[in-house]
């Protein structure tokens, strides 16, 4: 699974507000975001899938 930074580029740093590090893999980030920001979790998951 790619990292959040490789999927979102410099925009990955906006997720640090939600406890997600840009170096984390997308699956881990999505799991963290599901409870606190489900709209961002869905967005990140969708963007990552389109890149594959």
PDB file of N, CA and C in Angstrom:
ATOM      1  N   UNK A   1       0.856  -1.170   0.000  1.00  0.00           N
ATOM      2  CA  UNK A   1       0.000   0.000   0.000  1.00  0.00           C
ATOM      3  C   UNK A   1       0.905   1.237   0.000  1.00  0.00           C
ATOM      4  N   UNK A   2       0.574   2.235  -0.809  1.00  0.00           N
ATOM      5  CA  UNK A   2       1.401   3.455  -0.875  1.00  0.00           C
ATOM      6  C   UNK A   2       1.248   4.315   0.375  1.00  0.00           C
ATOM      7  N   UNK A   3       2.173   5.232   0.536  1.00  0.00           N
ATOM      8  CA  UNK A   3       2.086   6.153   1.674  1.00  0.00           C
ATOM      9  C   UNK A   3       1.101   7.275   1.368  1.00  0.00           C
ATOM     10  N   UNK A   4       0.669   7.930   2.408  1.00  0.00           N
ATOM     11  CA  UNK A   4      -0.261   9.049   2.259  1.00  0.00           C
ATOM     12  C   UNK A   4       0.397  10.157   1.429  1.00  0.00           C
ATOM     13  N   UNK A   5       1.673  10.409   1.662  1.00  0.00           N
ATOM     14  CA  UNK A   5       2.391  11.459   0.925  1.00  0.00           C
ATOM     15  C   UNK A   5       2.495  11.135  -0.558  1.00  0.00           C
ATOM     16  N   UNK A   6       2.664   9.862  -0.902  1.00  0.00           N
ATOM     17  CA  UNK A   6       2.766   9.516  -2.319  1.00  0.00           C
ATOM     18  C   UNK A   6       1.421   9.638  -3.025  1.00  0.00           C
ATOM     19  N   UNK A   7       0.340   9.555  -2.268  1.00  0.00           N
ATOM     20  CA  UNK A   7      -1.000   9.687  -2.849  1.00  0.00           C
ATOM     21  C   UNK A   7      -1.421  11.153  -2.934  1.00  0.00           C
ATOM     22  N   UNK A   8      -1.196  11.900  -1.866  1.00  0.00           N
ATOM     23  CA  UNK A   8      -1.688  13.276  -1.804  1.00  0.00           C
ATOM     24  C   UNK A   8      -0.623  14.338  -2.053  1.00  0.00           C
ATOM     25  N   UNK A   9       0.625  13.934  -2.136  1.00  0.00           N
ATOM     26  CA  UNK A   9       1.694  14.908  -2.322  1.00  0.00           C
ATOM     27  C   UNK A   9       1.791  15.842  -1.122  1.00  0.00           C
ATOM     28  N   UNK A  10       2.064  17.133  -1.369  1.00  0.00           N
ATOM     29  CA  UNK A  10       2.216  18.067  -0.247  1.00  0.00           C
ATOM     30  C   UNK A  10       0.927  18.277   0.553  1.00  0.00           C
ATOM     31  N   UNK A  11      -0.194  17.894  -0.009  1.00  0.00           N
ATOM     32  CA  UNK A  11      -1.470  18.036   0.697  1.00  0.00           C
ATOM     33  C   UNK A  11      -1.616  17.024   1.840  1.00  0.00           C
ATOM     34  N   UNK A  12      -0.749  16.045   1.888  1.00  0.00           N
ATOM     35  CA  UNK A  12      -0.804  15.033   2.940  1.00  0.00           C
ATOM     36  C   UNK A  12      -0.631  15.648   4.329  1.00  0.00           C
ATOM     37  N   UNK A  13       0.054  16.780   4.406  1.00  0.00           N
ATOM     38  CA  UNK A  13       0.303  17.394   5.700  1.00  0.00           C
ATOM     39  C   UNK A  13      -0.961  17.939   6.348  1.00  0.00           C
ATOM     40  N   UNK A  14      -2.027  18.129   5.572  1.00  0.00           N
ATOM     41  CA  UNK A  14      -3.281  18.596   6.174  1.00  0.00           C
ATOM     42  C   UNK A  14      -3.866  17.541   7.107  1.00  0.00           C
ATOM     43  N   UNK A  15      -3.508  16.278   6.913  1.00  0.00           N
ATOM     44  CA  UNK A  15      -4.050  15.200   7.734  1.00  0.00           C
ATOM     45  C   UNK A  15      -3.346  15.061   9.084  1.00  0.00           C
ATOM     46  N   UNK A  16      -2.235  15.777   9.277  1.00  0.00           N
ATOM     47  CA  UNK A  16      -1.567  15.714  10.583  1.00  0.00           C
ATOM     48  C   UNK A  16      -2.489  16.240  11.679  1.00  0.00           C
ATOM     49  N   UNK A  17      -3.404  17.105  11.303  1.00  0.00           N
ATOM     50  CA  UNK A  17      -4.403  17.625  12.257  1.00  0.00           C
ATOM     51  C   UNK A  17      -5.257  16.498  12.834  1.00  0.00           C
ATOM     52  N   UNK A  18      -5.399  15.421  12.079  1.00  0.00           N
ATOM     53  CA  UNK A  18      -6.209  14.277  12.495  1.00  0.00           C
ATOM     54  C   UNK A  18      -5.359  13.112  13.004  1.00  0.00           C
ATOM     55  N   UNK A  19      -4.077  13.354  13.220  1.00  0.00           N
ATOM     56  CA  UNK A  19      -3.197  12.332  13.761  1.00  0.00           C
ATOM     57  C   UNK A  19      -2.618  11.387  12.733  1.00  0.00           C
ATOM     58  N   UNK A  20      -2.667  11.771  11.466  1.00  0.00           N
ATOM     59  CA  UNK A  20      -2.138  10.933  10.391  1.00  0.00           C
ATOM     60  C   UNK A  20      -0.818  11.518   9.903  1.00  0.00           C
ATOM     61  N   UNK A  21       0.216  10.718   9.915  1.00  0.00           N
ATOM     62  CA  UNK A  21       1.526  11.135   9.435  1.00  0.00           C
ATOM     63  C   UNK A  21       1.603  10.931   7.922  1.00  0.00           C
ATOM     64  N   UNK A  22       2.226  11.847   7.193  1.00  0.00           N
ATOM     65  CA  UNK A  22       2.358  11.678   5.744  1.00  0.00           C
ATOM     66  C   UNK A  22       3.119  10.412   5.345  1.00  0.00           C
ATOM     67  N   UNK A  23       3.949   9.896   6.221  1.00  0.00           N
ATOM     68  CA  UNK A  23       4.716   8.694   5.926  1.00  0.00           C
ATOM     69  C   UNK A  23       3.958   7.395   6.145  1.00  0.00           C
ATOM     70  N   UNK A  24       2.787   7.476   6.743  1.00  0.00           N
ATOM     71  CA  UNK A  24       1.990   6.264   7.010  1.00  0.00           C
ATOM     72  C   UNK A  24       1.426   5.688   5.721  1.00  0.00           C
ATOM     73  N   UNK A  25       1.184   4.389   5.752  1.00  0.00           N
ATOM     74  CA  UNK A  25       0.528   3.797   4.588  1.00  0.00           C
ATOM     75  C   UNK A  25      -0.951   4.164   4.607  1.00  0.00           C
ATOM     76  N   UNK A  26      -1.555   4.129   3.435  1.00  0.00           N
ATOM     77  CA  UNK A  26      -2.936   4.577   3.265  1.00  0.00           C
ATOM     78  C   UNK A  26      -3.906   3.761   4.121  1.00  0.00           C
ATOM     79  N   UNK A  27      -3.704   2.460   4.208  1.00  0.00           N
ATOM     80  CA  UNK A  27      -4.624   1.607   4.975  1.00  0.00           C
ATOM     81  C   UNK A  27      -4.659   2.017   6.451  1.00  0.00           C
ATOM     82  N   UNK A  28      -3.503   2.305   7.018  1.00  0.00           N
ATOM     83  CA  UNK A  28      -3.431   2.731   8.413  1.00  0.00           C
ATOM     84  C   UNK A  28      -4.105   4.084   8.595  1.00  0.00           C
ATOM     85  N   UNK A  29      -3.851   4.989   7.660  1.00  0.00           N
ATOM     86  CA  UNK A  29      -4.450   6.318   7.730  1.00  0.00           C
ATOM     87  C   UNK A  29      -5.968   6.242   7.616  1.00  0.00           C
ATOM     88  N   UNK A  30      -6.461   5.412   6.714  1.00  0.00           N
ATOM     89  CA  UNK A  30      -7.910   5.263   6.547  1.00  0.00           C
ATOM     90  C   UNK A  30      -8.533   4.716   7.829  1.00  0.00           C
ATOM     91  N   UNK A  31      -7.876   3.755   8.456  1.00  0.00           N
ATOM     92  CA  UNK A  31      -8.392   3.191   9.704  1.00  0.00           C
ATOM     93  C   UNK A  31      -8.473   4.259  10.793  1.00  0.00           C
ATOM     94  N   UNK A  32      -7.474   5.123  10.877  1.00  0.00           N
ATOM     95  CA  UNK A  32      -7.492   6.199  11.872  1.00  0.00           C
ATOM     96  C   UNK A  32      -8.594   7.199  11.570  1.00  0.00           C
ATOM     97  N   UNK A  33      -8.773   7.526  10.301  1.00  0.00           N
ATOM     98  CA  UNK A  33      -9.722   8.565   9.918  1.00  0.00           C
ATOM     99  C   UNK A  33     -11.174   8.117   9.951  1.00  0.00           C
ATOM    100  N   UNK A  34     -11.423   6.826   9.888  1.00  0.00           N
ATOM    101  CA  UNK A  34     -12.802   6.311   9.835  1.00  0.00           C
ATOM    102  C   UNK A  34     -13.662   6.825  10.981  1.00  0.00           C
ATOM    103  N   UNK A  35     -13.096   6.928  12.164  1.00  0.00           N
ATOM    104  CA  UNK A  35     -13.905   7.335  13.324  1.00  0.00           C
ATOM    105  C   UNK A  35     -14.009   8.847  13.485  1.00  0.00           C
ATOM    106  N   UNK A  36     -12.930   9.574  13.160  1.00  0.00           N
ATOM    107  CA  UNK A  36     -12.936  11.014  13.418  1.00  0.00           C
ATOM    108  C   UNK A  36     -13.261  11.860  12.192  1.00  0.00           C
ATOM    109  N   UNK A  37     -12.999  11.333  11.011  1.00  0.00           N
ATOM    110  CA  UNK A  37     -13.281  12.086   9.786  1.00  0.00           C
ATOM    111  C   UNK A  37     -13.593  11.112   8.649  1.00  0.00           C
ATOM    112  N   UNK A  38     -14.751  10.478   8.691  1.00  0.00           N
ATOM    113  CA  UNK A  38     -15.067   9.460   7.682  1.00  0.00           C
ATOM    114  C   UNK A  38     -15.076   9.995   6.249  1.00  0.00           C
ATOM    115  N   UNK A  39     -15.406  11.263   6.075  1.00  0.00           N
ATOM    116  CA  UNK A  39     -15.391  11.833   4.728  1.00  0.00           C
ATOM    117  C   UNK A  39     -13.971  11.869   4.166  1.00  0.00           C
ATOM    118  N   UNK A  40     -12.981  12.146   5.017  1.00  0.00           N
ATOM    119  CA  UNK A  40     -11.591  12.145   4.575  1.00  0.00           C
ATOM    120  C   UNK A  40     -11.079  10.722   4.359  1.00  0.00           C
ATOM    121  N   UNK A  41     -11.539   9.797   5.175  1.00  0.00           N
ATOM    122  CA  UNK A  41     -11.158   8.395   4.997  1.00  0.00           C
ATOM    123  C   UNK A  41     -11.644   7.887   3.650  1.00  0.00           C
ATOM    124  N   UNK A  42     -12.876   8.197   3.309  1.00  0.00           N
ATOM    125  CA  UNK A  42     -13.422   7.780   2.012  1.00  0.00           C
ATOM    126  C   UNK A  42     -12.674   8.426   0.855  1.00  0.00           C
ATOM    127  N   UNK A  43     -12.372   9.711   0.999  1.00  0.00           N
ATOM    128  CA  UNK A  43     -11.645  10.431  -0.035  1.00  0.00           C
ATOM    129  C   UNK A  43     -10.268   9.822  -0.265  1.00  0.00           C
ATOM    130  N   UNK A  44      -9.532   9.603   0.808  1.00  0.00           N
ATOM    131  CA  UNK A  44      -8.184   9.058   0.708  1.00  0.00           C
ATOM    132  C   UNK A  44      -8.205   7.662   0.087  1.00  0.00           C
ATOM    133  N   UNK A  45      -9.131   6.854   0.507  1.00  0.00           N
ATOM    134  CA  UNK A  45      -9.249   5.498  -0.027  1.00  0.00           C
ATOM    135  C   UNK A  45      -9.576   5.530  -1.535  1.00  0.00           C
ATOM    136  N   UNK A  46     -10.456   6.409  -1.933  1.00  0.00           N
ATOM    137  CA  UNK A  46     -10.836   6.517  -3.330  1.00  0.00           C
ATOM    138  C   UNK A  46      -9.685   7.010  -4.205  1.00  0.00           C
ATOM    139  N   UNK A  47      -8.962   7.997  -3.723  1.00  0.00           N
ATOM    140  CA  UNK A  47      -7.818   8.524  -4.487  1.00  0.00           C
ATOM    141  C   UNK A  47      -6.744   7.457  -4.616  1.00  0.00           C
ATOM    142  N   UNK A  48      -6.476   6.737  -3.544  1.00  0.00           N
ATOM    143  CA  UNK A  48      -5.451   5.684  -3.583  1.00  0.00           C
ATOM    144  C   UNK A  48      -5.844   4.580  -4.565  1.00  0.00           C
ATOM    145  N   UNK A  49      -7.107   4.201  -4.604  1.00  0.00           N
ATOM    146  CA  UNK A  49      -7.558   3.161  -5.523  1.00  0.00           C
ATOM    147  C   UNK A  49      -7.440   3.601  -6.971  1.00  0.00           C
ATOM    148  N   UNK A  50      -7.700   4.858  -7.240  1.00  0.00           N
ATOM    149  CA  UNK A  50      -7.600   5.362  -8.616  1.00  0.00           C
ATOM    150  C   UNK A  50      -6.165   5.419  -9.091  1.00  0.00           C
ATOM    151  N   UNK A  51      -5.227   5.560  -8.159  1.00  0.00           N
ATOM    152  CA  UNK A  51      -3.807   5.604  -8.520  1.00  0.00           C
ATOM    153  C   UNK A  51      -3.275   4.221  -8.883  1.00  0.00           C
ATOM    154  N   UNK A  52      -3.919   3.193  -8.363  1.00  0.00           N
ATOM    155  CA  UNK A  52      -3.458   1.824  -8.633  1.00  0.00           C
ATOM    156  C   UNK A  52      -4.020   1.390  -9.929  1.00  0.00           C
TER     157      UNK A  52
END
